[in-house]
Amino acid sequence: HVDRASRRADATPIEWRRAYGRADRFRY
């Protein structure tokens, strides 16, 4: 799970998303 908060320059939220990726391709 990758939860992403995307914001403007003044920190106002534009978008919130959750991505689900195959664990066999996950890397850190």
mmCIF file of all heavy atoms, coordinates in Angstrom:
data_MODEL
# 
_entry.id   MODEL 
# 
loop_
_atom_site.group_PDB 
_atom_site.id 
_atom_site.type_symbol 
_atom_site.label_atom_id 
_atom_site.label_alt_id 
_atom_site.label_comp_id 
_atom_site.label_asym_id 
_atom_site.label_entity_id 
_atom_site.label_seq_id 
_atom_site.pdbx_PDB_ins_code 
_atom_site.Cartn_x 
_atom_site.Cartn_y 
_atom_site.Cartn_z 
_atom_site.occupancy 
_atom_site.B_iso_or_equiv 
_atom_site.pdbx_formal_charge 
_atom_site.auth_seq_id 
_atom_site.auth_comp_id 
_atom_site.auth_asym_id 
_atom_site.auth_atom_id 
_atom_site.pdbx_PDB_model_num 
ATOM 1   N N   . HIS A 1 1  ? 0.861  -1.183  0.000   1.00 0.00 ? 1  HIS A N   1 
ATOM 2   C CA  . HIS A 1 1  ? 0.000  0.000   0.000   1.00 0.00 ? 1  HIS A CA  1 
ATOM 3   C C   . HIS A 1 1  ? 0.894  1.229   0.000   1.00 0.00 ? 1  HIS A C   1 
ATOM 4   O O   . HIS A 1 1  ? 1.779  1.358   0.854   1.00 0.00 ? 1  HIS A O   1 
ATOM 5   C CB  . HIS A 1 1  ? -0.851 0.073   1.269   1.00 0.00 ? 1  HIS A CB  1 
ATOM 6   C CG  . HIS A 1 1  ? -1.936 -0.946  1.336   1.00 0.00 ? 1  HIS A CG  1 
ATOM 7   N ND1 . HIS A 1 1  ? -2.780 -1.052  2.420   1.00 0.00 ? 1  HIS A ND1 1 
ATOM 8   C CD2 . HIS A 1 1  ? -2.326 -1.892  0.464   1.00 0.00 ? 1  HIS A CD2 1 
ATOM 9   C CE1 . HIS A 1 1  ? -3.637 -2.034  2.218   1.00 0.00 ? 1  HIS A CE1 1 
ATOM 10  N NE2 . HIS A 1 1  ? -3.375 -2.570  1.037   1.00 0.00 ? 1  HIS A NE2 1 
ATOM 11  N N   . VAL A 1 2  ? 0.661  2.134   -0.932  1.00 0.00 ? 2  VAL A N   1 
ATOM 12  C CA  . VAL A 1 2  ? 1.341  3.423   -0.905  1.00 0.00 ? 2  VAL A CA  1 
ATOM 13  C C   . VAL A 1 2  ? 0.267  4.499   -0.798  1.00 0.00 ? 2  VAL A C   1 
ATOM 14  O O   . VAL A 1 2  ? -0.507 4.707   -1.732  1.00 0.00 ? 2  VAL A O   1 
ATOM 15  C CB  . VAL A 1 2  ? 2.203  3.672   -2.161  1.00 0.00 ? 2  VAL A CB  1 
ATOM 16  C CG1 . VAL A 1 2  ? 2.926  5.011   -2.046  1.00 0.00 ? 2  VAL A CG1 1 
ATOM 17  C CG2 . VAL A 1 2  ? 3.209  2.545   -2.353  1.00 0.00 ? 2  VAL A CG2 1 
ATOM 18  N N   . ASP A 1 3  ? 0.172  5.143   0.364   1.00 0.00 ? 3  ASP A N   1 
ATOM 19  C CA  . ASP A 1 3  ? -0.758 6.256   0.564   1.00 0.00 ? 3  ASP A CA  1 
ATOM 20  C C   . ASP A 1 3  ? -0.021 7.545   0.246   1.00 0.00 ? 3  ASP A C   1 
ATOM 21  O O   . ASP A 1 3  ? 1.047  7.810   0.813   1.00 0.00 ? 3  ASP A O   1 
ATOM 22  C CB  . ASP A 1 3  ? -1.272 6.292   2.004   1.00 0.00 ? 3  ASP A CB  1 
ATOM 23  C CG  . ASP A 1 3  ? -2.177 5.116   2.335   1.00 0.00 ? 3  ASP A CG  1 
ATOM 24  O OD1 . ASP A 1 3  ? -2.586 4.398   1.392   1.00 0.00 ? 3  ASP A OD1 1 
ATOM 25  O OD2 . ASP A 1 3  ? -2.464 4.909   3.521   1.00 0.00 ? 3  ASP A OD2 1 
ATOM 26  N N   . ARG A 1 4  ? -0.577 8.338   -0.661  1.00 0.00 ? 4  ARG A N   1 
ATOM 27  C CA  . ARG A 1 4  ? 0.096  9.563   -1.093  1.00 0.00 ? 4  ARG A CA  1 
ATOM 28  C C   . ARG A 1 4  ? -0.796 10.778  -0.885  1.00 0.00 ? 4  ARG A C   1 
ATOM 29  O O   . ARG A 1 4  ? -1.954 10.795  -1.313  1.00 0.00 ? 4  ARG A O   1 
ATOM 30  C CB  . ARG A 1 4  ? 0.486  9.469   -2.561  1.00 0.00 ? 4  ARG A CB  1 
ATOM 31  C CG  . ARG A 1 4  ? 0.883  10.811  -3.170  1.00 0.00 ? 4  ARG A CG  1 
ATOM 32  C CD  . ARG A 1 4  ? 1.569  10.688  -4.507  1.00 0.00 ? 4  ARG A CD  1 
ATOM 33  N NE  . ARG A 1 4  ? 2.919  10.176  -4.342  1.00 0.00 ? 4  ARG A NE  1 
ATOM 34  C CZ  . ARG A 1 4  ? 3.830  10.182  -5.322  1.00 0.00 ? 4  ARG A CZ  1 
ATOM 35  N NH1 . ARG A 1 4  ? 3.513  10.648  -6.519  1.00 0.00 ? 4  ARG A NH1 1 
ATOM 36  N NH2 . ARG A 1 4  ? 5.035  9.725   -5.111  1.00 0.00 ? 4  ARG A NH2 1 
ATOM 37  N N   . ALA A 1 5  ? -0.248 11.800  -0.237  1.00 0.00 ? 5  ALA A N   1 
ATOM 38  C CA  . ALA A 1 5  ? -0.904 13.096  -0.100  1.00 0.00 ? 5  ALA A CA  1 
ATOM 39  C C   . ALA A 1 5  ? -0.179 14.084  -1.001  1.00 0.00 ? 5  ALA A C   1 
ATOM 40  O O   . ALA A 1 5  ? 1.033  14.259  -0.890  1.00 0.00 ? 5  ALA A O   1 
ATOM 41  C CB  . ALA A 1 5  ? -0.850 13.571  1.348   1.00 0.00 ? 5  ALA A CB  1 
ATOM 42  N N   . SER A 1 6  ? -0.907 14.703  -1.922  1.00 0.00 ? 6  SER A N   1 
ATOM 43  C CA  . SER A 1 6  ? -0.340 15.676  -2.866  1.00 0.00 ? 6  SER A CA  1 
ATOM 44  C C   . SER A 1 6  ? -0.856 17.061  -2.489  1.00 0.00 ? 6  SER A C   1 
ATOM 45  O O   . SER A 1 6  ? -2.057 17.247  -2.300  1.00 0.00 ? 6  SER A O   1 
ATOM 46  C CB  . SER A 1 6  ? -0.750 15.339  -4.299  1.00 0.00 ? 6  SER A CB  1 
ATOM 47  O OG  . SER A 1 6  ? -0.379 14.015  -4.627  1.00 0.00 ? 6  SER A OG  1 
ATOM 48  N N   . ARG A 1 7  ? 0.052  18.042  -2.423  1.00 0.00 ? 7  ARG A N   1 
ATOM 49  C CA  . ARG A 1 7  ? -0.319 19.358  -1.905  1.00 0.00 ? 7  ARG A CA  1 
ATOM 50  C C   . ARG A 1 7  ? 0.178  20.486  -2.789  1.00 0.00 ? 7  ARG A C   1 
ATOM 51  O O   . ARG A 1 7  ? 1.141  20.335  -3.537  1.00 0.00 ? 7  ARG A O   1 
ATOM 52  C CB  . ARG A 1 7  ? 0.256  19.534  -0.485  1.00 0.00 ? 7  ARG A CB  1 
ATOM 53  C CG  . ARG A 1 7  ? -0.280 18.514  0.506   1.00 0.00 ? 7  ARG A CG  1 
ATOM 54  C CD  . ARG A 1 7  ? 0.352  18.673  1.875   1.00 0.00 ? 7  ARG A CD  1 
ATOM 55  N NE  . ARG A 1 7  ? -0.158 17.698  2.821   1.00 0.00 ? 7  ARG A NE  1 
ATOM 56  C CZ  . ARG A 1 7  ? -1.268 17.860  3.525   1.00 0.00 ? 7  ARG A CZ  1 
ATOM 57  N NH1 . ARG A 1 7  ? -1.978 18.958  3.404   1.00 0.00 ? 7  ARG A NH1 1 
ATOM 58  N NH2 . ARG A 1 7  ? -1.670 16.921  4.352   1.00 0.00 ? 7  ARG A NH2 1 
ATOM 59  N N   . ARG A 1 8  ? -0.518 21.621  -2.661  1.00 0.00 ? 8  ARG A N   1 
ATOM 60  C CA  . ARG A 1 8  ? -0.102 22.850  -3.333  1.00 0.00 ? 8  ARG A CA  1 
ATOM 61  C C   . ARG A 1 8  ? 1.063  23.475  -2.572  1.00 0.00 ? 8  ARG A C   1 
ATOM 62  O O   . ARG A 1 8  ? 1.456  22.995  -1.520  1.00 0.00 ? 8  ARG A O   1 
ATOM 63  C CB  . ARG A 1 8  ? -1.272 23.836  -3.388  1.00 0.00 ? 8  ARG A CB  1 
ATOM 64  C CG  . ARG A 1 8  ? -2.537 23.317  -4.012  1.00 0.00 ? 8  ARG A CG  1 
ATOM 65  C CD  . ARG A 1 8  ? -3.718 24.214  -3.701  1.00 0.00 ? 8  ARG A CD  1 
ATOM 66  N NE  . ARG A 1 8  ? -3.731 25.430  -4.497  1.00 0.00 ? 8  ARG A NE  1 
ATOM 67  C CZ  . ARG A 1 8  ? -4.230 26.583  -4.086  1.00 0.00 ? 8  ARG A CZ  1 
ATOM 68  N NH1 . ARG A 1 8  ? -4.709 26.705  -2.859  1.00 0.00 ? 8  ARG A NH1 1 
ATOM 69  N NH2 . ARG A 1 8  ? -4.249 27.631  -4.873  1.00 0.00 ? 8  ARG A NH2 1 
ATOM 70  N N   . ALA A 1 9  ? 1.581  24.571  -3.101  1.00 0.00 ? 9  ALA A N   1 
ATOM 71  C CA  . ALA A 1 9  ? 2.693  25.253  -2.449  1.00 0.00 ? 9  ALA A CA  1 
ATOM 72  C C   . ALA A 1 9  ? 2.307  25.778  -1.069  1.00 0.00 ? 9  ALA A C   1 
ATOM 73  O O   . ALA A 1 9  ? 3.162  25.904  -0.184  1.00 0.00 ? 9  ALA A O   1 
ATOM 74  C CB  . ALA A 1 9  ? 3.184  26.395  -3.326  1.00 0.00 ? 9  ALA A CB  1 
ATOM 75  N N   . ASP A 1 10 ? 1.026  26.092  -0.856  1.00 0.00 ? 10 ASP A N   1 
ATOM 76  C CA  . ASP A 1 10 ? 0.585  26.590  0.448   1.00 0.00 ? 10 ASP A CA  1 
ATOM 77  C C   . ASP A 1 10 ? 0.117  25.466  1.365   1.00 0.00 ? 10 ASP A C   1 
ATOM 78  O O   . ASP A 1 10 ? -0.518 25.709  2.378   1.00 0.00 ? 10 ASP A O   1 
ATOM 79  C CB  . ASP A 1 10 ? -0.519 27.638  0.282   1.00 0.00 ? 10 ASP A CB  1 
ATOM 80  C CG  . ASP A 1 10 ? -1.775 27.073  -0.389  1.00 0.00 ? 10 ASP A CG  1 
ATOM 81  O OD1 . ASP A 1 10 ? -1.780 25.868  -0.750  1.00 0.00 ? 10 ASP A OD1 1 
ATOM 82  O OD2 . ASP A 1 10 ? -2.743 27.830  -0.577  1.00 0.00 ? 10 ASP A OD2 1 
ATOM 83  N N   . ALA A 1 11 ? 0.438  24.216  0.985   1.00 0.00 ? 11 ALA A N   1 
ATOM 84  C CA  . ALA A 1 11 ? 0.136  23.004  1.766   1.00 0.00 ? 11 ALA A CA  1 
ATOM 85  C C   . ALA A 1 11 ? -1.323 22.581  1.707   1.00 0.00 ? 11 ALA A C   1 
ATOM 86  O O   . ALA A 1 11 ? -1.729 21.641  2.390   1.00 0.00 ? 11 ALA A O   1 
ATOM 87  C CB  . ALA A 1 11 ? 0.586  23.145  3.220   1.00 0.00 ? 11 ALA A CB  1 
ATOM 88  N N   . THR A 1 12 ? -2.145 23.247  0.887   1.00 0.00 ? 12 THR A N   1 
ATOM 89  C CA  . THR A 1 12 ? -3.536 22.815  0.714   1.00 0.00 ? 12 THR A CA  1 
ATOM 90  C C   . THR A 1 12 ? -3.577 21.490  -0.035  1.00 0.00 ? 12 THR A C   1 
ATOM 91  O O   . THR A 1 12 ? -2.931 21.351  -1.076  1.00 0.00 ? 12 THR A O   1 
ATOM 92  C CB  . THR A 1 12 ? -4.332 23.863  -0.089  1.00 0.00 ? 12 THR A CB  1 
ATOM 93  O OG1 . THR A 1 12 ? -4.243 25.122  0.555   1.00 0.00 ? 12 THR A OG1 1 
ATOM 94  C CG2 . THR A 1 12 ? -5.795 23.446  -0.224  1.00 0.00 ? 12 THR A CG2 1 
ATOM 95  N N   . PRO A 1 13 ? -4.329 20.491  0.451   1.00 0.00 ? 13 PRO A N   1 
ATOM 96  C CA  . PRO A 1 13 ? -4.393 19.204  -0.245  1.00 0.00 ? 13 PRO A CA  1 
ATOM 97  C C   . PRO A 1 13 ? -5.047 19.335  -1.626  1.00 0.00 ? 13 PRO A C   1 
ATOM 98  O O   . PRO A 1 13 ? -6.041 20.046  -1.781  1.00 0.00 ? 13 PRO A O   1 
ATOM 99  C CB  . PRO A 1 13 ? -5.247 18.333  0.681   1.00 0.00 ? 13 PRO A CB  1 
ATOM 100 C CG  . PRO A 1 13 ? -5.160 18.990  2.020   1.00 0.00 ? 13 PRO A CG  1 
ATOM 101 C CD  . PRO A 1 13 ? -5.048 20.455  1.737   1.00 0.00 ? 13 PRO A CD  1 
ATOM 102 N N   . ILE A 1 14 ? -4.481 18.669  -2.603  1.00 0.00 ? 14 ILE A N   1 
ATOM 103 C CA  . ILE A 1 14 ? -5.064 18.587  -3.944  1.00 0.00 ? 14 ILE A CA  1 
ATOM 104 C C   . ILE A 1 14 ? -5.680 17.214  -4.165  1.00 0.00 ? 14 ILE A C   1 
ATOM 105 O O   . ILE A 1 14 ? -6.784 17.086  -4.688  1.00 0.00 ? 14 ILE A O   1 
ATOM 106 C CB  . ILE A 1 14 ? -3.997 18.850  -5.025  1.00 0.00 ? 14 ILE A CB  1 
ATOM 107 C CG1 . ILE A 1 14 ? -3.488 20.286  -4.944  1.00 0.00 ? 14 ILE A CG1 1 
ATOM 108 C CG2 . ILE A 1 14 ? -4.547 18.553  -6.427  1.00 0.00 ? 14 ILE A CG2 1 
ATOM 109 C CD1 . ILE A 1 14 ? -2.339 20.577  -5.898  1.00 0.00 ? 14 ILE A CD1 1 
ATOM 110 N N   . GLU A 1 15 ? -4.953 16.187  -3.738  1.00 0.00 ? 15 GLU A N   1 
ATOM 111 C CA  . GLU A 1 15 ? -5.376 14.810  -4.014  1.00 0.00 ? 15 GLU A CA  1 
ATOM 112 C C   . GLU A 1 15 ? -4.869 13.911  -2.904  1.00 0.00 ? 15 GLU A C   1 
ATOM 113 O O   . GLU A 1 15 ? -3.804 14.148  -2.340  1.00 0.00 ? 15 GLU A O   1 
ATOM 114 C CB  . GLU A 1 15 ? -4.789 14.371  -5.362  1.00 0.00 ? 15 GLU A CB  1 
ATOM 115 C CG  . GLU A 1 15 ? -4.974 12.899  -5.685  1.00 0.00 ? 15 GLU A CG  1 
ATOM 116 C CD  . GLU A 1 15 ? -3.735 12.300  -6.329  1.00 0.00 ? 15 GLU A CD  1 
ATOM 117 O OE1 . GLU A 1 15 ? -2.740 12.020  -5.603  1.00 0.00 ? 15 GLU A OE1 1 
ATOM 118 O OE2 . GLU A 1 15 ? -3.733 12.129  -7.555  1.00 0.00 ? 15 GLU A OE2 1 
ATOM 119 N N   . TRP A 1 16 ? -5.654 12.876  -2.573  1.00 0.00 ? 16 TRP A N   1 
ATOM 120 C CA  . TRP A 1 16 ? -5.183 11.810  -1.697  1.00 0.00 ? 16 TRP A CA  1 
ATOM 121 C C   . TRP A 1 16 ? -5.434 10.500  -2.425  1.00 0.00 ? 16 TRP A C   1 
ATOM 122 O O   . TRP A 1 16 ? -6.516 10.297  -2.985  1.00 0.00 ? 16 TRP A O   1 
ATOM 123 C CB  . TRP A 1 16 ? -5.913 11.816  -0.352  1.00 0.00 ? 16 TRP A CB  1 
ATOM 124 C CG  . TRP A 1 16 ? -5.285 10.877  0.648   1.00 0.00 ? 16 TRP A CG  1 
ATOM 125 C CD1 . TRP A 1 16 ? -4.263 11.165  1.503   1.00 0.00 ? 16 TRP A CD1 1 
ATOM 126 C CD2 . TRP A 1 16 ? -5.608 9.501   0.858   1.00 0.00 ? 16 TRP A CD2 1 
ATOM 127 N NE1 . TRP A 1 16 ? -3.943 10.062  2.239   1.00 0.00 ? 16 TRP A NE1 1 
ATOM 128 C CE2 . TRP A 1 16 ? -4.741 9.015   1.867   1.00 0.00 ? 16 TRP A CE2 1 
ATOM 129 C CE3 . TRP A 1 16 ? -6.531 8.620   0.289   1.00 0.00 ? 16 TRP A CE3 1 
ATOM 130 C CZ2 . TRP A 1 16 ? -4.788 7.693   2.323   1.00 0.00 ? 16 TRP A CZ2 1 
ATOM 131 C CZ3 . TRP A 1 16 ? -6.579 7.304   0.735   1.00 0.00 ? 16 TRP A CZ3 1 
ATOM 132 C CH2 . TRP A 1 16 ? -5.722 6.862   1.759   1.00 0.00 ? 16 TRP A CH2 1 
ATOM 133 N N   . ARG A 1 17 ? -4.424 9.660   -2.463  1.00 0.00 ? 17 ARG A N   1 
ATOM 134 C CA  . ARG A 1 17 ? -4.600 8.401   -3.193  1.00 0.00 ? 17 ARG A CA  1 
ATOM 135 C C   . ARG A 1 17 ? -4.036 7.230   -2.399  1.00 0.00 ? 17 ARG A C   1 
ATOM 136 O O   . ARG A 1 17 ? -3.165 7.385   -1.550  1.00 0.00 ? 17 ARG A O   1 
ATOM 137 C CB  . ARG A 1 17 ? -3.946 8.465   -4.567  1.00 0.00 ? 17 ARG A CB  1 
ATOM 138 C CG  . ARG A 1 17 ? -2.449 8.299   -4.584  1.00 0.00 ? 17 ARG A CG  1 
ATOM 139 C CD  . ARG A 1 17 ? -1.885 8.191   -5.993  1.00 0.00 ? 17 ARG A CD  1 
ATOM 140 N NE  . ARG A 1 17 ? -1.808 9.473   -6.675  1.00 0.00 ? 17 ARG A NE  1 
ATOM 141 C CZ  . ARG A 1 17 ? -1.315 9.624   -7.901  1.00 0.00 ? 17 ARG A CZ  1 
ATOM 142 N NH1 . ARG A 1 17 ? -0.878 8.588   -8.569  1.00 0.00 ? 17 ARG A NH1 1 
ATOM 143 N NH2 . ARG A 1 17 ? -1.253 10.815  -8.454  1.00 0.00 ? 17 ARG A NH2 1 
ATOM 144 N N   . ARG A 1 18 ? -4.537 6.061   -2.715  1.00 0.00 ? 18 ARG A N   1 
ATOM 145 C CA  . ARG A 1 18 ? -3.966 4.814   -2.205  1.00 0.00 ? 18 ARG A CA  1 
ATOM 146 C C   . ARG A 1 18 ? -3.675 3.920   -3.399  1.00 0.00 ? 18 ARG A C   1 
ATOM 147 O O   . ARG A 1 18 ? -4.562 3.661   -4.220  1.00 0.00 ? 18 ARG A O   1 
ATOM 148 C CB  . ARG A 1 18 ? -4.898 4.112   -1.227  1.00 0.00 ? 18 ARG A CB  1 
ATOM 149 C CG  . ARG A 1 18 ? -4.411 2.715   -0.808  1.00 0.00 ? 18 ARG A CG  1 
ATOM 150 C CD  . ARG A 1 18 ? -5.155 2.200   0.416   1.00 0.00 ? 18 ARG A CD  1 
ATOM 151 N NE  . ARG A 1 18 ? -4.748 2.941   1.616   1.00 0.00 ? 18 ARG A NE  1 
ATOM 152 C CZ  . ARG A 1 18 ? -5.369 2.843   2.793   1.00 0.00 ? 18 ARG A CZ  1 
ATOM 153 N NH1 . ARG A 1 18 ? -6.443 2.080   2.922   1.00 0.00 ? 18 ARG A NH1 1 
ATOM 154 N NH2 . ARG A 1 18 ? -4.936 3.533   3.830   1.00 0.00 ? 18 ARG A NH2 1 
ATOM 155 N N   . ALA A 1 19 ? -2.423 3.479   -3.509  1.00 0.00 ? 19 ALA A N   1 
ATOM 156 C CA  . ALA A 1 19 ? -2.014 2.585   -4.589  1.00 0.00 ? 19 ALA A CA  1 
ATOM 157 C C   . ALA A 1 19 ? -1.765 1.203   -4.008  1.00 0.00 ? 19 ALA A C   1 
ATOM 158 O O   . ALA A 1 19 ? -1.197 1.059   -2.919  1.00 0.00 ? 19 ALA A O   1 
ATOM 159 C CB  . ALA A 1 19 ? -0.755 3.117   -5.261  1.00 0.00 ? 19 ALA A CB  1 
ATOM 160 N N   . TYR A 1 20 ? -2.213 0.188   -4.742  1.00 0.00 ? 20 TYR A N   1 
ATOM 161 C CA  . TYR A 1 20 ? -1.995 -1.205  -4.354  1.00 0.00 ? 20 TYR A CA  1 
ATOM 162 C C   . TYR A 1 20 ? -1.082 -1.829  -5.414  1.00 0.00 ? 20 TYR A C   1 
ATOM 163 O O   . TYR A 1 20 ? -1.456 -1.930  -6.580  1.00 0.00 ? 20 TYR A O   1 
ATOM 164 C CB  . TYR A 1 20 ? -3.305 -1.988  -4.312  1.00 0.00 ? 20 TYR A CB  1 
ATOM 165 C CG  . TYR A 1 20 ? -4.377 -1.376  -3.432  1.00 0.00 ? 20 TYR A CG  1 
ATOM 166 C CD1 . TYR A 1 20 ? -5.239 -0.407  -3.938  1.00 0.00 ? 20 TYR A CD1 1 
ATOM 167 C CD2 . TYR A 1 20 ? -4.537 -1.784  -2.110  1.00 0.00 ? 20 TYR A CD2 1 
ATOM 168 C CE1 . TYR A 1 20 ? -6.236 0.152   -3.147  1.00 0.00 ? 20 TYR A CE1 1 
ATOM 169 C CE2 . TYR A 1 20 ? -5.532 -1.232  -1.309  1.00 0.00 ? 20 TYR A CE2 1 
ATOM 170 C CZ  . TYR A 1 20 ? -6.376 -0.263  -1.839  1.00 0.00 ? 20 TYR A CZ  1 
ATOM 171 O OH  . TYR A 1 20 ? -7.356 0.281   -1.053  1.00 0.00 ? 20 TYR A OH  1 
ATOM 172 N N   . GLY A 1 21 ? 0.116  -2.237  -5.003  1.00 0.00 ? 21 GLY A N   1 
ATOM 173 C CA  . GLY A 1 21 ? 1.059  -2.827  -5.941  1.00 0.00 ? 21 GLY A CA  1 
ATOM 174 C C   . GLY A 1 21 ? 1.402  -4.252  -5.560  1.00 0.00 ? 21 GLY A C   1 
ATOM 175 O O   . GLY A 1 21 ? 1.378  -4.619  -4.369  1.00 0.00 ? 21 GLY A O   1 
ATOM 176 N N   . ARG A 1 22 ? 1.727  -5.036  -6.548  1.00 0.00 ? 22 ARG A N   1 
ATOM 177 C CA  . ARG A 1 22 ? 2.089  -6.425  -6.291  1.00 0.00 ? 22 ARG A CA  1 
ATOM 178 C C   . ARG A 1 22 ? 3.311  -6.489  -5.383  1.00 0.00 ? 22 ARG A C   1 
ATOM 179 O O   . ARG A 1 22 ? 4.334  -5.868  -5.638  1.00 0.00 ? 22 ARG A O   1 
ATOM 180 C CB  . ARG A 1 22 ? 2.374  -7.131  -7.616  1.00 0.00 ? 22 ARG A CB  1 
ATOM 181 C CG  . ARG A 1 22 ? 1.122  -7.474  -8.372  1.00 0.00 ? 22 ARG A CG  1 
ATOM 182 C CD  . ARG A 1 22 ? 1.407  -8.090  -9.719  1.00 0.00 ? 22 ARG A CD  1 
ATOM 183 N NE  . ARG A 1 22 ? 2.543  -9.024  -9.706  1.00 0.00 ? 22 ARG A NE  1 
ATOM 184 C CZ  . ARG A 1 22 ? 2.863  -9.788  -10.740 1.00 0.00 ? 22 ARG A CZ  1 
ATOM 185 N NH1 . ARG A 1 22 ? 2.139  -9.725  -11.851 1.00 0.00 ? 22 ARG A NH1 1 
ATOM 186 N NH2 . ARG A 1 22 ? 3.896  -10.604 -10.683 1.00 0.00 ? 22 ARG A NH2 1 
ATOM 187 N N   . ALA A 1 23 ? 3.189  -7.274  -4.298  1.00 0.00 ? 23 ALA A N   1 
ATOM 188 C CA  . ALA A 1 23 ? 4.264  -7.347  -3.319  1.00 0.00 ? 23 ALA A CA  1 
ATOM 189 C C   . ALA A 1 23 ? 5.518  -7.984  -3.890  1.00 0.00 ? 23 ALA A C   1 
ATOM 190 O O   . ALA A 1 23 ? 6.632  -7.706  -3.427  1.00 0.00 ? 23 ALA A O   1 
ATOM 191 C CB  . ALA A 1 23 ? 3.798  -8.122  -2.084  1.00 0.00 ? 23 ALA A CB  1 
ATOM 192 N N   . ASP A 1 24 ? 5.365  -8.845  -4.909  1.00 0.00 ? 24 ASP A N   1 
ATOM 193 C CA  . ASP A 1 24 ? 6.551  -9.479  -5.479  1.00 0.00 ? 24 ASP A CA  1 
ATOM 194 C C   . ASP A 1 24 ? 7.387  -8.492  -6.290  1.00 0.00 ? 24 ASP A C   1 
ATOM 195 O O   . ASP A 1 24 ? 8.507  -8.795  -6.687  1.00 0.00 ? 24 ASP A O   1 
ATOM 196 C CB  . ASP A 1 24 ? 6.175  -10.688 -6.350  1.00 0.00 ? 24 ASP A CB  1 
ATOM 197 C CG  . ASP A 1 24 ? 5.290  -10.336 -7.530  1.00 0.00 ? 24 ASP A CG  1 
ATOM 198 O OD1 . ASP A 1 24 ? 4.622  -9.284  -7.486  1.00 0.00 ? 24 ASP A OD1 1 
ATOM 199 O OD2 . ASP A 1 24 ? 5.267  -11.108 -8.505  1.00 0.00 ? 24 ASP A OD2 1 
ATOM 200 N N   . ARG A 1 25 ? 6.843  -7.284  -6.538  1.00 0.00 ? 25 ARG A N   1 
ATOM 201 C CA  . ARG A 1 25 ? 7.600  -6.249  -7.227  1.00 0.00 ? 25 ARG A CA  1 
ATOM 202 C C   . ARG A 1 25 ? 7.989  -5.099  -6.294  1.00 0.00 ? 25 ARG A C   1 
ATOM 203 O O   . ARG A 1 25 ? 8.581  -4.129  -6.735  1.00 0.00 ? 25 ARG A O   1 
ATOM 204 C CB  . ARG A 1 25 ? 6.770  -5.679  -8.390  1.00 0.00 ? 25 ARG A CB  1 
ATOM 205 C CG  . ARG A 1 25 ? 6.454  -6.688  -9.483  1.00 0.00 ? 25 ARG A CG  1 
ATOM 206 C CD  . ARG A 1 25 ? 7.706  -7.201  -10.160 1.00 0.00 ? 25 ARG A CD  1 
ATOM 207 N NE  . ARG A 1 25 ? 7.389  -8.006  -11.319 1.00 0.00 ? 25 ARG A NE  1 
ATOM 208 C CZ  . ARG A 1 25 ? 7.466  -7.579  -12.573 1.00 0.00 ? 25 ARG A CZ  1 
ATOM 209 N NH1 . ARG A 1 25 ? 7.857  -6.353  -12.817 1.00 0.00 ? 25 ARG A NH1 1 
ATOM 210 N NH2 . ARG A 1 25 ? 7.152  -8.381  -13.569 1.00 0.00 ? 25 ARG A NH2 1 
ATOM 211 N N   . PHE A 1 26 ? 7.618  -5.202  -5.010  1.00 0.00 ? 26 PHE A N   1 
ATOM 212 C CA  . PHE A 1 26 ? 7.914  -4.125  -4.074  1.00 0.00 ? 26 PHE A CA  1 
ATOM 213 C C   . PHE A 1 26 ? 9.401  -4.086  -3.748  1.00 0.00 ? 26 PHE A C   1 
ATOM 214 O O   . PHE A 1 26 ? 10.058 -5.125  -3.649  1.00 0.00 ? 26 PHE A O   1 
ATOM 215 C CB  . PHE A 1 26 ? 7.124  -4.317  -2.789  1.00 0.00 ? 26 PHE A CB  1 
ATOM 216 C CG  . PHE A 1 26 ? 7.408  -3.295  -1.721  1.00 0.00 ? 26 PHE A CG  1 
ATOM 217 C CD1 . PHE A 1 26 ? 6.917  -2.003  -1.846  1.00 0.00 ? 26 PHE A CD1 1 
ATOM 218 C CD2 . PHE A 1 26 ? 8.180  -3.611  -0.610  1.00 0.00 ? 26 PHE A CD2 1 
ATOM 219 C CE1 . PHE A 1 26 ? 7.173  -1.048  -0.867  1.00 0.00 ? 26 PHE A CE1 1 
ATOM 220 C CE2 . PHE A 1 26 ? 8.447  -2.663  0.359   1.00 0.00 ? 26 PHE A CE2 1 
ATOM 221 C CZ  . PHE A 1 26 ? 7.939  -1.380  0.227   1.00 0.00 ? 26 PHE A CZ  1 
ATOM 222 N N   . ARG A 1 27 ? 9.938  -2.883  -3.572  1.00 0.00 ? 27 ARG A N   1 
ATOM 223 C CA  . ARG A 1 27 ? 11.325 -2.732  -3.168  1.00 0.00 ? 27 ARG A CA  1 
ATOM 224 C C   . ARG A 1 27 ? 11.446 -1.501  -2.277  1.00 0.00 ? 27 ARG A C   1 
ATOM 225 O O   . ARG A 1 27 ? 10.673 -0.556  -2.385  1.00 0.00 ? 27 ARG A O   1 
ATOM 226 C CB  . ARG A 1 27 ? 12.249 -2.586  -4.378  1.00 0.00 ? 27 ARG A CB  1 
ATOM 227 C CG  . ARG A 1 27 ? 12.049 -1.288  -5.138  1.00 0.00 ? 27 ARG A CG  1 
ATOM 228 C CD  . ARG A 1 27 ? 13.001 -1.190  -6.315  1.00 0.00 ? 27 ARG A CD  1 
ATOM 229 N NE  . ARG A 1 27 ? 12.841 0.074   -7.007  1.00 0.00 ? 27 ARG A NE  1 
ATOM 230 C CZ  . ARG A 1 27 ? 13.475 0.385   -8.124  1.00 0.00 ? 27 ARG A CZ  1 
ATOM 231 N NH1 . ARG A 1 27 ? 14.320 -0.472  -8.665  1.00 0.00 ? 27 ARG A NH1 1 
ATOM 232 N NH2 . ARG A 1 27 ? 13.292 1.555   -8.704  1.00 0.00 ? 27 ARG A NH2 1 
ATOM 233 N N   . TYR A 1 28 ? 12.430 -1.545  -1.388  1.00 0.00 ? 28 TYR A N   1 
ATOM 234 C CA  . TYR A 1 28 ? 12.705 -0.388  -0.533  1.00 0.00 ? 28 TYR A CA  1 
ATOM 235 C C   . TYR A 1 28 ? 14.214 -0.301  -0.367  1.00 0.00 ? 28 TYR A C   1 
ATOM 236 O O   . TYR A 1 28 ? 14.873 -1.269  0.002   1.00 0.00 ? 28 TYR A O   1 
ATOM 237 C CB  . TYR A 1 28 ? 12.049 -0.543  0.835   1.00 0.00 ? 28 TYR A CB  1 
ATOM 238 C CG  . TYR A 1 28 ? 12.404 0.550   1.811   1.00 0.00 ? 28 TYR A CG  1 
ATOM 239 C CD1 . TYR A 1 28 ? 11.871 1.834   1.652   1.00 0.00 ? 28 TYR A CD1 1 
ATOM 240 C CD2 . TYR A 1 28 ? 13.279 0.324   2.865   1.00 0.00 ? 28 TYR A CD2 1 
ATOM 241 C CE1 . TYR A 1 28 ? 12.210 2.857   2.522   1.00 0.00 ? 28 TYR A CE1 1 
ATOM 242 C CE2 . TYR A 1 28 ? 13.606 1.349   3.743   1.00 0.00 ? 28 TYR A CE2 1 
ATOM 243 C CZ  . TYR A 1 28 ? 13.074 2.613   3.566   1.00 0.00 ? 28 TYR A CZ  1 
ATOM 244 O OH  . TYR A 1 28 ? 13.408 3.620   4.433   1.00 0.00 ? 28 TYR A OH  1 
# 
